[in-house]
Amino acid sequence: MKRELEKRSGGRCELCNTQESLNVFIVSPKLGESADECIHICDNCNDQLSGVKNMNPNHWRCLNDSMWSEVDAVKVVAWRILNELKAEGWTNNMLDMMYLEEETESWAKKGISSEDALVHRDSNGAILAQGDTVVLTKDLKVKGGGNFTAKRGTAVRNITLVHDNAEHIEGKIEGVRIVILTQYVKK
């Protein structure tokens, strides 16, 4: 498996791209039965992920490149790190750009504690996900750059979840990007 990971990674850390001291890292809750369940990472990344060293937010700016990996295990770890560091501010932009297939996102979420994960719910209690389409359940006055009323029944496509507030989502209505309260939308 180590040879397969070395070939896939080109002999570099799949997170920070360094070439020194590379190890196999099993991405939980998977068991590491194949290379698809593991990543090839350096000692520095491994020590921070395993808690041997404190997380260094500046080190993880490298995820700007690695979050686009074709390897699901790399994307899962990048997503988890960005979520852990979302208080840094710059990580939220990266999370907004990142897209995970449903199965990959489920894997990523299983590896974080449930108390840390925010759940966005619509007015009927349905769980909202990044990229969903929702419909407004009430006429909403759009303030700021819009100064118009978004009518009840308006579809808002490709929503973005606000990562630090479960009651807010973002979406575009009439070309204007706005924050919408989840209590006024349904899936």
Protein backbone atom coordinates (compact mmCIF):
# COMPACT_ATOMS: atom_id res chain seq x y z
CA MET A 1 0.00 0.00 0.00
CA LYS A 2 2.87 2.38 0.82
CA ARG A 3 4.19 2.00 -2.77
CA GLU A 4 0.74 2.71 -4.17
CA LEU A 5 0.45 5.86 -2.02
CA GLU A 6 3.96 6.99 -3.03
CA LYS A 7 3.02 6.60 -6.68
CA ARG A 8 -0.31 8.42 -6.26
CA SER A 9 1.25 11.29 -4.29
CA GLY A 10 4.38 11.59 -6.41
CA GLY A 11 6.46 11.21 -3.25
CA ARG A 12 4.92 14.31 -1.64
CA CYS A 13 2.64 14.99 1.31
CA GLU A 14 -0.89 14.99 -0.10
CA LEU A 15 -1.81 17.90 2.18
CA CYS A 16 1.17 20.31 2.26
CA ASN A 17 3.24 18.99 -0.68
CA THR A 18 6.49 18.51 1.28
CA GLN A 19 8.78 15.60 0.38
CA GLU A 20 10.18 14.84 3.85
CA SER A 21 9.28 11.98 6.24
CA LEU A 22 6.13 10.63 4.60
CA ASN A 23 3.81 8.19 6.35
CA VAL A 24 0.54 6.41 5.72
CA PHE A 25 -2.40 8.08 7.51
CA ILE A 26 -5.67 6.14 7.78
CA VAL A 27 -8.70 8.43 7.43
CA SER A 28 -11.19 7.39 10.11
CA PRO A 29 -13.68 5.83 10.47
CA LYS A 30 -12.29 3.76 7.59
CA LEU A 31 -9.95 0.90 8.52
CA GLY A 32 -7.21 1.51 5.97
CA GLU A 33 -7.96 -1.64 4.01
CA SER A 34 -7.05 0.07 0.72
CA ALA A 35 -5.09 3.10 -0.48
CA ASP A 36 -8.42 4.85 -1.11
CA GLU A 37 -8.96 4.98 2.67
CA CYS A 38 -5.53 6.46 3.39
CA ILE A 39 -3.41 9.48 2.55
CA HIS A 40 0.33 10.01 2.33
CA ILE A 41 1.37 12.79 4.74
CA CYS A 42 4.49 14.26 6.33
CA ASP A 43 5.39 14.11 10.03
CA ASN A 44 4.37 17.75 10.57
CA CYS A 45 0.84 17.22 9.21
CA ASN A 46 0.57 13.88 11.04
CA ASP A 47 1.64 15.40 14.38
CA GLN A 48 -0.94 18.17 14.10
CA LEU A 49 -3.75 15.83 13.05
CA SER A 50 -2.99 13.34 15.82
CA GLY A 51 -2.69 16.04 18.51
CA VAL A 52 1.04 15.58 19.18
CA LYS A 53 1.48 19.23 18.15
CA ASN A 54 -1.02 22.08 18.39
CA MET A 55 -2.75 23.03 15.16
CA ASN A 56 -0.83 25.76 13.32
CA PRO A 57 -3.45 27.58 11.22
CA ASN A 58 -0.86 29.12 8.89
CA HIS A 59 0.49 25.68 8.01
CA TRP A 60 -2.96 24.68 6.75
CA ARG A 61 -3.14 27.45 4.15
CA CYS A 62 -1.69 24.73 1.92
CA LEU A 63 -5.20 23.24 1.79
CA ASN A 64 -6.02 25.91 -0.79
CA ASP A 65 -4.35 23.53 -3.27
CA SER A 66 -4.92 20.09 -1.76
CA MET A 67 -8.69 20.56 -1.24
CA TRP A 68 -9.00 20.17 -5.05
CA SER A 69 -7.43 16.70 -5.00
CA GLU A 70 -9.12 13.94 -6.98
CA VAL A 71 -8.59 11.63 -3.97
CA ASP A 72 -11.62 11.49 -1.67
CA ALA A 73 -9.53 10.73 1.43
CA VAL A 74 -7.51 13.93 0.88
CA LYS A 75 -10.70 15.96 0.43
CA VAL A 76 -12.17 14.46 3.62
CA VAL A 77 -9.14 15.45 5.71
CA ALA A 78 -8.98 18.92 4.12
CA TRP A 79 -12.70 19.47 4.86
CA ARG A 80 -12.27 18.38 8.50
CA ILE A 81 -9.27 20.66 9.05
CA LEU A 82 -11.00 23.64 7.46
CA ASN A 83 -14.03 23.05 9.68
CA GLU A 84 -11.85 22.78 12.76
CA LEU A 85 -10.17 26.07 11.91
CA LYS A 86 -13.27 27.98 10.77
CA ALA A 87 -12.75 30.60 13.49
CA GLU A 88 -9.72 31.77 11.47
CA GLY A 89 -12.00 33.42 8.90
CA TRP A 90 -9.98 32.59 5.77
CA THR A 91 -11.06 28.96 6.01
CA ASN A 92 -14.73 29.85 5.47
CA ASN A 93 -14.01 31.05 1.92
CA MET A 94 -12.30 27.76 1.15
CA LEU A 95 -15.17 25.77 2.64
CA ASP A 96 -17.63 27.75 0.51
CA MET A 97 -15.70 26.80 -2.63
CA MET A 98 -15.24 23.16 -1.69
CA TYR A 99 -17.61 20.55 -3.09
CA LEU A 100 -17.90 17.00 -1.79
CA GLU A 101 -20.05 14.26 -3.25
CA GLU A 102 -22.76 13.11 -0.81
CA GLU A 103 -20.93 9.91 0.15
CA THR A 104 -17.62 11.75 0.66
CA GLU A 105 -19.29 14.44 2.77
CA SER A 106 -20.90 11.74 4.92
CA TRP A 107 -17.45 10.18 5.46
CA ALA A 108 -16.02 13.59 6.39
CA LYS A 109 -18.79 14.29 8.90
CA LYS A 110 -18.47 10.88 10.57
CA GLY A 111 -14.94 11.79 11.60
CA ILE A 112 -15.87 14.91 13.57
CA SER A 113 -17.71 15.10 16.84
CA SER A 114 -21.43 15.68 16.36
CA GLU A 115 -21.55 18.47 18.90
CA ASP A 116 -19.25 20.55 16.68
CA ALA A 117 -21.30 20.05 13.52
CA LEU A 118 -24.05 22.57 12.84
CA VAL A 119 -27.23 21.29 11.24
CA HIS A 120 -29.18 23.68 9.02
CA ARG A 121 -32.93 22.91 8.91
CA ASP A 122 -35.67 24.47 6.83
CA SER A 123 -39.06 25.63 8.17
CA ASN A 124 -40.34 22.02 8.08
CA GLY A 125 -37.32 20.57 9.87
CA ALA A 126 -35.70 19.05 6.75
CA ILE A 127 -31.91 19.11 6.80
CA LEU A 128 -30.39 21.52 4.28
CA ALA A 129 -27.13 20.81 2.47
CA GLN A 130 -24.70 22.92 0.50
CA GLY A 131 -25.98 23.32 -3.08
CA ASP A 132 -29.64 22.57 -2.31
CA THR A 133 -32.50 24.46 -3.91
CA VAL A 134 -35.01 26.02 -1.51
CA VAL A 135 -38.23 27.98 -1.91
CA LEU A 136 -39.16 31.09 0.09
CA THR A 137 -42.17 30.58 2.36
CA LYS A 138 -42.74 34.29 2.93
CA ASP A 139 -42.24 37.61 1.11
CA LEU A 140 -38.87 39.00 2.23
CA LYS A 141 -37.67 42.60 1.93
CA VAL A 142 -34.13 42.61 0.55
CA LYS A 143 -32.11 45.45 2.03
CA GLY A 144 -28.79 46.89 0.95
CA GLY A 145 -27.87 46.57 -2.72
CA GLY A 146 -31.23 45.10 -3.73
CA ASN A 147 -34.06 47.19 -2.29
CA PHE A 148 -36.76 44.86 -3.61
CA THR A 149 -39.12 42.25 -2.18
CA ALA A 150 -38.37 38.59 -2.83
CA LYS A 151 -41.76 37.00 -3.30
CA ARG A 152 -43.04 33.89 -1.57
CA GLY A 153 -42.47 30.85 -3.79
CA THR A 154 -39.21 32.19 -5.27
CA ALA A 155 -36.69 29.38 -5.81
CA VAL A 156 -33.17 29.96 -4.50
CA ARG A 157 -30.76 27.58 -6.21
CA ASN A 158 -27.34 26.38 -5.08
CA ILE A 159 -27.53 27.70 -1.52
CA THR A 160 -24.46 28.08 0.69
CA LEU A 161 -24.62 27.15 4.37
CA VAL A 162 -23.29 29.72 6.83
CA HIS A 163 -20.77 27.63 8.74
CA ASP A 164 -21.02 29.41 12.09
CA ASN A 165 -24.80 29.92 12.25
CA ALA A 166 -27.32 27.12 11.69
CA GLU A 167 -30.14 29.63 11.19
CA HIS A 168 -28.56 31.34 8.17
CA ILE A 169 -28.02 30.33 4.56
CA GLU A 170 -26.86 32.39 1.60
CA GLY A 171 -28.26 32.47 -1.90
CA LYS A 172 -28.85 34.66 -4.93
CA ILE A 173 -32.19 36.26 -5.71
CA GLU A 174 -32.44 38.48 -8.82
CA GLY A 175 -28.64 38.40 -9.04
CA VAL A 176 -28.13 39.71 -5.50
CA ARG A 177 -26.36 37.49 -2.94
CA ILE A 178 -28.24 37.66 0.38
CA VAL A 179 -28.38 35.96 3.77
CA ILE A 180 -31.70 34.21 4.37
CA LEU A 181 -33.07 32.89 7.66
CA THR A 182 -33.72 29.15 7.44
CA GLN A 183 -37.13 29.62 9.09
CA TYR A 184 -38.34 31.30 5.86
CA VAL A 185 -37.38 28.55 3.40
CA LYS A 186 -38.40 25.00 2.58
CA LYS A 187 -36.58 22.34 0.60
